[in-house]
Amino acid sequence: MKKNPKKSTKLAARVQKTAEITGFTTDYIYLVLRGDRKDTDVMQTYMFLHEGENKLLKAAKQLLDLKI
């Protein structure tokens, strides 16, 4: 029997936030991310959140490097 890989909590939180913003269900968001559905608005929202997290993390790391 095939095991289901554990979902990342960051991914799940990002999907939940995307669903809240776009008004779609989390299941639909996962379908779009997998490529089973095409929805540019959902993908743009998801990628905006993802890139924002990356920028925030990078800025935090730079800030910590300056203090050390």
PDB file of N, CA and C in Angstrom:
ATOM      1  N   MET A   1       0.830  -1.176   0.000  1.00  0.00           N
ATOM      2  CA  MET A   1       0.000   0.000   0.000  1.00  0.00           C
ATOM      3  C   MET A   1       0.879   1.247   0.000  1.00  0.00           C
ATOM      4  N   LYS A   2       0.523   2.220  -0.812  1.00  0.00           N
ATOM      5  CA  LYS A   2       1.317   3.430  -0.945  1.00  0.00           C
ATOM      6  C   LYS A   2       1.027   4.394   0.205  1.00  0.00           C
ATOM      7  N   LYS A   3       2.094   4.931   0.811  1.00  0.00           N
ATOM      8  CA  LYS A   3       1.939   5.891   1.900  1.00  0.00           C
ATOM      9  C   LYS A   3       1.763   7.292   1.334  1.00  0.00           C
ATOM     10  N   ASN A   4       0.934   8.079   1.989  1.00  0.00           N
ATOM     11  CA  ASN A   4       0.769   9.476   1.600  1.00  0.00           C
ATOM     12  C   ASN A   4       1.856  10.305   2.284  1.00  0.00           C
ATOM     13  N   PRO A   5       2.574  11.121   1.509  1.00  0.00           N
ATOM     14  CA  PRO A   5       3.587  11.958   2.142  1.00  0.00           C
ATOM     15  C   PRO A   5       2.921  13.010   3.037  1.00  0.00           C
ATOM     16  N   LYS A   6       3.571  13.305   4.142  1.00  0.00           N
ATOM     17  CA  LYS A   6       3.044  14.289   5.081  1.00  0.00           C
ATOM     18  C   LYS A   6       3.143  15.674   4.471  1.00  0.00           C
ATOM     19  N   LYS A   7       2.064  16.435   4.569  1.00  0.00           N
ATOM     20  CA  LYS A   7       2.050  17.780   4.007  1.00  0.00           C
ATOM     21  C   LYS A   7       2.809  18.738   4.908  1.00  0.00           C
ATOM     22  N   SER A   8       3.480  19.653   4.287  1.00  0.00           N
ATOM     23  CA  SER A   8       4.216  20.677   5.003  1.00  0.00           C
ATOM     24  C   SER A   8       3.234  21.631   5.684  1.00  0.00           C
ATOM     25  N   THR A   9       3.544  22.018   6.912  1.00  0.00           N
ATOM     26  CA  THR A   9       2.667  22.949   7.608  1.00  0.00           C
ATOM     27  C   THR A   9       2.717  24.332   6.956  1.00  0.00           C
ATOM     28  N   LYS A  10       3.877  24.700   6.410  1.00  0.00           N
ATOM     29  CA  LYS A  10       3.978  25.975   5.704  1.00  0.00           C
ATOM     30  C   LYS A  10       3.102  25.966   4.454  1.00  0.00           C
ATOM     31  N   LEU A  11       3.150  24.869   3.710  1.00  0.00           N
ATOM     32  CA  LEU A  11       2.332  24.734   2.510  1.00  0.00           C
ATOM     33  C   LEU A  11       0.854  24.783   2.876  1.00  0.00           C
ATOM     34  N   ALA A  12       0.475  24.046   3.902  1.00  0.00           N
ATOM     35  CA  ALA A  12      -0.925  24.012   4.324  1.00  0.00           C
ATOM     36  C   ALA A  12      -1.409  25.394   4.746  1.00  0.00           C
ATOM     37  N   ALA A  13      -0.580  26.135   5.465  1.00  0.00           N
ATOM     38  CA  ALA A  13      -0.954  27.482   5.903  1.00  0.00           C
ATOM     39  C   ALA A  13      -1.085  28.416   4.702  1.00  0.00           C
ATOM     40  N   ARG A  14      -0.165  28.301   3.745  1.00  0.00           N
ATOM     41  CA  ARG A  14      -0.211  29.131   2.547  1.00  0.00           C
ATOM     42  C   ARG A  14      -1.441  28.816   1.704  1.00  0.00           C
ATOM     43  N   VAL A  15      -1.775  27.527   1.605  1.00  0.00           N
ATOM     44  CA  VAL A  15      -2.968  27.112   0.862  1.00  0.00           C
ATOM     45  C   VAL A  15      -4.223  27.649   1.548  1.00  0.00           C
ATOM     46  N   GLN A  16      -4.262  27.559   2.871  1.00  0.00           N
ATOM     47  CA  GLN A  16      -5.409  28.070   3.628  1.00  0.00           C
ATOM     48  C   GLN A  16      -5.576  29.567   3.408  1.00  0.00           C
ATOM     49  N   LYS A  17      -4.490  30.319   3.458  1.00  0.00           N
ATOM     50  CA  LYS A  17      -4.549  31.768   3.252  1.00  0.00           C
ATOM     51  C   LYS A  17      -4.987  32.088   1.825  1.00  0.00           C
ATOM     52  N   THR A  18      -4.488  31.328   0.847  1.00  0.00           N
ATOM     53  CA  THR A  18      -4.895  31.520  -0.542  1.00  0.00           C
ATOM     54  C   THR A  18      -6.385  31.271  -0.702  1.00  0.00           C
ATOM     55  N   ALA A  19      -6.888  30.238  -0.046  1.00  0.00           N
ATOM     56  CA  ALA A  19      -8.317  29.924  -0.103  1.00  0.00           C
ATOM     57  C   ALA A  19      -9.148  31.053   0.502  1.00  0.00           C
ATOM     58  N   GLU A  20      -8.687  31.601   1.615  1.00  0.00           N
ATOM     59  CA  GLU A  20      -9.404  32.708   2.251  1.00  0.00           C
ATOM     60  C   GLU A  20      -9.448  33.932   1.346  1.00  0.00           C
ATOM     61  N   ILE A  21      -8.334  34.222   0.692  1.00  0.00           N
ATOM     62  CA  ILE A  21      -8.255  35.405  -0.164  1.00  0.00           C
ATOM     63  C   ILE A  21      -9.099  35.233  -1.420  1.00  0.00           C
ATOM     64  N   THR A  22      -9.009  34.070  -2.049  1.00  0.00           N
ATOM     65  CA  THR A  22      -9.685  33.857  -3.333  1.00  0.00           C
ATOM     66  C   THR A  22     -11.136  33.404  -3.193  1.00  0.00           C
ATOM     67  N   GLY A  23     -11.497  32.857  -2.032  1.00  0.00           N
ATOM     68  CA  GLY A  23     -12.864  32.386  -1.838  1.00  0.00           C
ATOM     69  C   GLY A  23     -13.100  30.958  -2.305  1.00  0.00           C
ATOM     70  N   PHE A  24     -12.048  30.272  -2.713  1.00  0.00           N
ATOM     71  CA  PHE A  24     -12.161  28.873  -3.116  1.00  0.00           C
ATOM     72  C   PHE A  24     -11.847  27.968  -1.932  1.00  0.00           C
ATOM     73  N   THR A  25     -12.136  26.678  -2.086  1.00  0.00           N
ATOM     74  CA  THR A  25     -11.821  25.723  -1.030  1.00  0.00           C
ATOM     75  C   THR A  25     -10.341  25.352  -1.102  1.00  0.00           C
ATOM     76  N   THR A  26      -9.838  24.824   0.006  1.00  0.00           N
ATOM     77  CA  THR A  26      -8.444  24.379   0.010  1.00  0.00           C
ATOM     78  C   THR A  26      -8.242  23.224  -0.969  1.00  0.00           C
ATOM     79  N   ASP A  27      -9.247  22.373  -1.121  1.00  0.00           N
ATOM     80  CA  ASP A  27      -9.142  21.271  -2.090  1.00  0.00           C
ATOM     81  C   ASP A  27      -8.931  21.813  -3.505  1.00  0.00           C
ATOM     82  N   TYR A  28      -9.655  22.862  -3.841  1.00  0.00           N
ATOM     83  CA  TYR A  28      -9.507  23.465  -5.171  1.00  0.00           C
ATOM     84  C   TYR A  28      -8.107  24.062  -5.333  1.00  0.00           C
ATOM     85  N   ILE A  29      -7.601  24.692  -4.289  1.00  0.00           N
ATOM     86  CA  ILE A  29      -6.259  25.283  -4.354  1.00  0.00           C
ATOM     87  C   ILE A  29      -5.224  24.189  -4.617  1.00  0.00           C
ATOM     88  N   TYR A  30      -5.338  23.057  -3.919  1.00  0.00           N
ATOM     89  CA  TYR A  30      -4.408  21.946  -4.151  1.00  0.00           C
ATOM     90  C   TYR A  30      -4.533  21.425  -5.583  1.00  0.00           C
ATOM     91  N   LEU A  31      -5.748  21.382  -6.131  1.00  0.00           N
ATOM     92  CA  LEU A  31      -5.933  20.939  -7.519  1.00  0.00           C
ATOM     93  C   LEU A  31      -5.199  21.872  -8.482  1.00  0.00           C
ATOM     94  N   VAL A  32      -5.290  23.168  -8.232  1.00  0.00           N
ATOM     95  CA  VAL A  32      -4.597  24.147  -9.078  1.00  0.00           C
ATOM     96  C   VAL A  32      -3.088  23.971  -8.951  1.00  0.00           C
ATOM     97  N   LEU A  33      -2.598  23.791  -7.735  1.00  0.00           N
ATOM     98  CA  LEU A  33      -1.155  23.639  -7.527  1.00  0.00           C
ATOM     99  C   LEU A  33      -0.612  22.379  -8.184  1.00  0.00           C
ATOM    100  N   ARG A  34      -1.417  21.317  -8.184  1.00  0.00           N
ATOM    101  CA  ARG A  34      -1.006  20.066  -8.833  1.00  0.00           C
ATOM    102  C   ARG A  34      -1.099  20.136 -10.349  1.00  0.00           C
ATOM    103  N   GLY A  35      -1.841  21.132 -10.861  1.00  0.00           N
ATOM    104  CA  GLY A  35      -1.996  21.258 -12.305  1.00  0.00           C
ATOM    105  C   GLY A  35      -3.244  20.589 -12.839  1.00  0.00           C
ATOM    106  N   ASP A  36      -4.100  20.085 -11.954  1.00  0.00           N
ATOM    107  CA  ASP A  36      -5.343  19.448 -12.386  1.00  0.00           C
ATOM    108  C   ASP A  36      -6.381  20.476 -12.815  1.00  0.00           C
ATOM    109  N   ARG A  37      -6.244  21.691 -12.342  1.00  0.00           N
ATOM    110  CA  ARG A  37      -7.124  22.797 -12.718  1.00  0.00           C
ATOM    111  C   ARG A  37      -6.253  23.989 -13.097  1.00  0.00           C
ATOM    112  N   LYS A  38      -6.769  24.819 -13.979  1.00  0.00           N
ATOM    113  CA  LYS A  38      -6.041  26.024 -14.380  1.00  0.00           C
ATOM    114  C   LYS A  38      -6.792  27.234 -13.846  1.00  0.00           C
ATOM    115  N   ASP A  39      -6.106  28.037 -13.045  1.00  0.00           N
ATOM    116  CA  ASP A  39      -6.694  29.251 -12.488  1.00  0.00           C
ATOM    117  C   ASP A  39      -5.555  30.220 -12.193  1.00  0.00           C
ATOM    118  N   THR A  40      -5.380  31.191 -13.074  1.00  0.00           N
ATOM    119  CA  THR A  40      -4.247  32.103 -12.934  1.00  0.00           C
ATOM    120  C   THR A  40      -4.365  32.980 -11.693  1.00  0.00           C
ATOM    121  N   ASP A  41      -5.588  33.359 -11.318  1.00  0.00           N
ATOM    122  CA  ASP A  41      -5.757  34.194 -10.120  1.00  0.00           C
ATOM    123  C   ASP A  41      -5.299  33.452  -8.869  1.00  0.00           C
ATOM    124  N   VAL A  42      -5.645  32.188  -8.780  1.00  0.00           N
ATOM    125  CA  VAL A  42      -5.240  31.379  -7.625  1.00  0.00           C
ATOM    126  C   VAL A  42      -3.724  31.233  -7.603  1.00  0.00           C
ATOM    127  N   MET A  43      -3.122  30.933  -8.752  1.00  0.00           N
ATOM    128  CA  MET A  43      -1.667  30.761  -8.811  1.00  0.00           C
ATOM    129  C   MET A  43      -0.944  32.066  -8.486  1.00  0.00           C
ATOM    130  N   GLN A  44      -1.447  33.181  -8.979  1.00  0.00           N
ATOM    131  CA  GLN A  44      -0.817  34.464  -8.690  1.00  0.00           C
ATOM    132  C   GLN A  44      -0.892  34.780  -7.204  1.00  0.00           C
ATOM    133  N   THR A  45      -2.031  34.520  -6.600  1.00  0.00           N
ATOM    134  CA  THR A  45      -2.186  34.772  -5.164  1.00  0.00           C
ATOM    135  C   THR A  45      -1.254  33.886  -4.364  1.00  0.00           C
ATOM    136  N   TYR A  46      -1.213  32.606  -4.701  1.00  0.00           N
ATOM    137  CA  TYR A  46      -0.355  31.654  -3.995  1.00  0.00           C
ATOM    138  C   TYR A  46       1.114  32.064  -4.120  1.00  0.00           C
ATOM    139  N   MET A  47       1.543  32.389  -5.335  1.00  0.00           N
ATOM    140  CA  MET A  47       2.942  32.753  -5.559  1.00  0.00           C
ATOM    141  C   MET A  47       3.286  34.076  -4.874  1.00  0.00           C
ATOM    142  N   PHE A  48       2.343  35.015  -4.832  1.00  0.00           N
ATOM    143  CA  PHE A  48       2.565  36.275  -4.129  1.00  0.00           C
ATOM    144  C   PHE A  48       2.834  36.003  -2.645  1.00  0.00           C
ATOM    145  N   LEU A  49       2.032  35.121  -2.047  1.00  0.00           N
ATOM    146  CA  LEU A  49       2.228  34.770  -0.638  1.00  0.00           C
ATOM    147  C   LEU A  49       3.566  34.060  -0.435  1.00  0.00           C
ATOM    148  N   HIS A  50       3.885  33.141  -1.324  1.00  0.00           N
ATOM    149  CA  HIS A  50       5.123  32.371  -1.223  1.00  0.00           C
ATOM    150  C   HIS A  50       6.348  33.290  -1.347  1.00  0.00           C
ATOM    151  N   GLU A  51       6.322  34.162  -2.334  1.00  0.00           N
ATOM    152  CA  GLU A  51       7.455  35.078  -2.530  1.00  0.00           C
ATOM    153  C   GLU A  51       7.570  36.057  -1.370  1.00  0.00           C
ATOM    154  N   GLY A  52       6.441  36.493  -0.835  1.00  0.00           N
ATOM    155  CA  GLY A  52       6.457  37.391   0.316  1.00  0.00           C
ATOM    156  C   GLY A  52       7.103  36.745   1.528  1.00  0.00           C
ATOM    157  N   GLU A  53       6.791  35.465   1.743  1.00  0.00           N
ATOM    158  CA  GLU A  53       7.412  34.735   2.852  1.00  0.00           C
ATOM    159  C   GLU A  53       8.916  34.634   2.653  1.00  0.00           C
ATOM    160  N   ASN A  54       9.330  34.367   1.417  1.00  0.00           N
ATOM    161  CA  ASN A  54      10.763  34.251   1.127  1.00  0.00           C
ATOM    162  C   ASN A  54      11.488  35.568   1.366  1.00  0.00           C
ATOM    163  N   LYS A  55      10.874  36.673   0.936  1.00  0.00           N
ATOM    164  CA  LYS A  55      11.490  37.989   1.142  1.00  0.00           C
ATOM    165  C   LYS A  55      11.585  38.311   2.629  1.00  0.00           C
ATOM    166  N   LEU A  56      10.546  37.994   3.366  1.00  0.00           N
ATOM    167  CA  LEU A  56      10.530  38.255   4.802  1.00  0.00           C
ATOM    168  C   LEU A  56      11.600  37.421   5.510  1.00  0.00           C
ATOM    169  N   LEU A  57      11.721  36.160   5.146  1.00  0.00           N
ATOM    170  CA  LEU A  57      12.735  35.291   5.735  1.00  0.00           C
ATOM    171  C   LEU A  57      14.142  35.779   5.414  1.00  0.00           C
ATOM    172  N   LYS A  58      14.355  36.192   4.175  1.00  0.00           N
ATOM    173  CA  LYS A  58      15.667  36.694   3.769  1.00  0.00           C
ATOM    174  C   LYS A  58      16.033  37.969   4.543  1.00  0.00           C
ATOM    175  N   ALA A  59      15.057  38.859   4.718  1.00  0.00           N
ATOM    176  CA  ALA A  59      15.302  40.098   5.458  1.00  0.00           C
ATOM    177  C   ALA A  59      15.606  39.807   6.927  1.00  0.00           C
ATOM    178  N   ALA A  60      14.914  38.848   7.501  1.00  0.00           N
ATOM    179  CA  ALA A  60      15.148  38.478   8.900  1.00  0.00           C
ATOM    180  C   ALA A  60      16.548  37.889   9.078  1.00  0.00           C
ATOM    181  N   LYS A  61      16.956  37.056   8.139  1.00  0.00           N
ATOM    182  CA  LYS A  61      18.291  36.467   8.196  1.00  0.00           C
ATOM    183  C   LYS A  61      19.366  37.548   8.088  1.00  0.00           C
ATOM    184  N   GLN A  62      19.173  38.514   7.198  1.00  0.00           N
ATOM    185  CA  GLN A  62      20.133  39.601   7.056  1.00  0.00           C
ATOM    186  C   GLN A  62      20.205  40.430   8.334  1.00  0.00           C
ATOM    187  N   LEU A  63      19.077  40.664   8.950  1.00  0.00           N
ATOM    188  CA  LEU A  63      19.020  41.419  10.179  1.00  0.00           C
ATOM    189  C   LEU A  63      19.769  40.700  11.299  1.00  0.00           C
ATOM    190  N   LEU A  64      19.599  39.385  11.367  1.00  0.00           N
ATOM    191  CA  LEU A  64      20.302  38.602  12.385  1.00  0.00           C
ATOM    192  C   LEU A  64      21.798  38.585  12.135  1.00  0.00           C
ATOM    193  N   ASP A  65      22.211  38.530  10.890  1.00  0.00           N
ATOM    194  CA  ASP A  65      23.633  38.548  10.553  1.00  0.00           C
ATOM    195  C   ASP A  65      24.290  39.854  10.983  1.00  0.00           C
ATOM    196  N   LEU A  66      23.558  40.947  10.893  1.00  0.00           N
ATOM    197  CA  LEU A  66      24.109  42.243  11.276  1.00  0.00           C
ATOM    198  C   LEU A  66      24.327  42.343  12.780  1.00  0.00           C
ATOM    199  N   LYS A  67      23.493  41.665  13.550  1.00  0.00           N
ATOM    200  CA  LYS A  67      23.578  41.750  15.012  1.00  0.00           C
ATOM    201  C   LYS A  67      24.639  40.830  15.603  1.00  0.00           C
ATOM    202  N   ILE A  68      25.084  39.862  14.837  1.00  0.00           N
ATOM    203  CA  ILE A  68      26.046  38.878  15.363  1.00  0.00           C
ATOM    204  C   ILE A  68      27.455  39.394  15.273  1.00  0.00           C
TER     205      ILE A  68
END
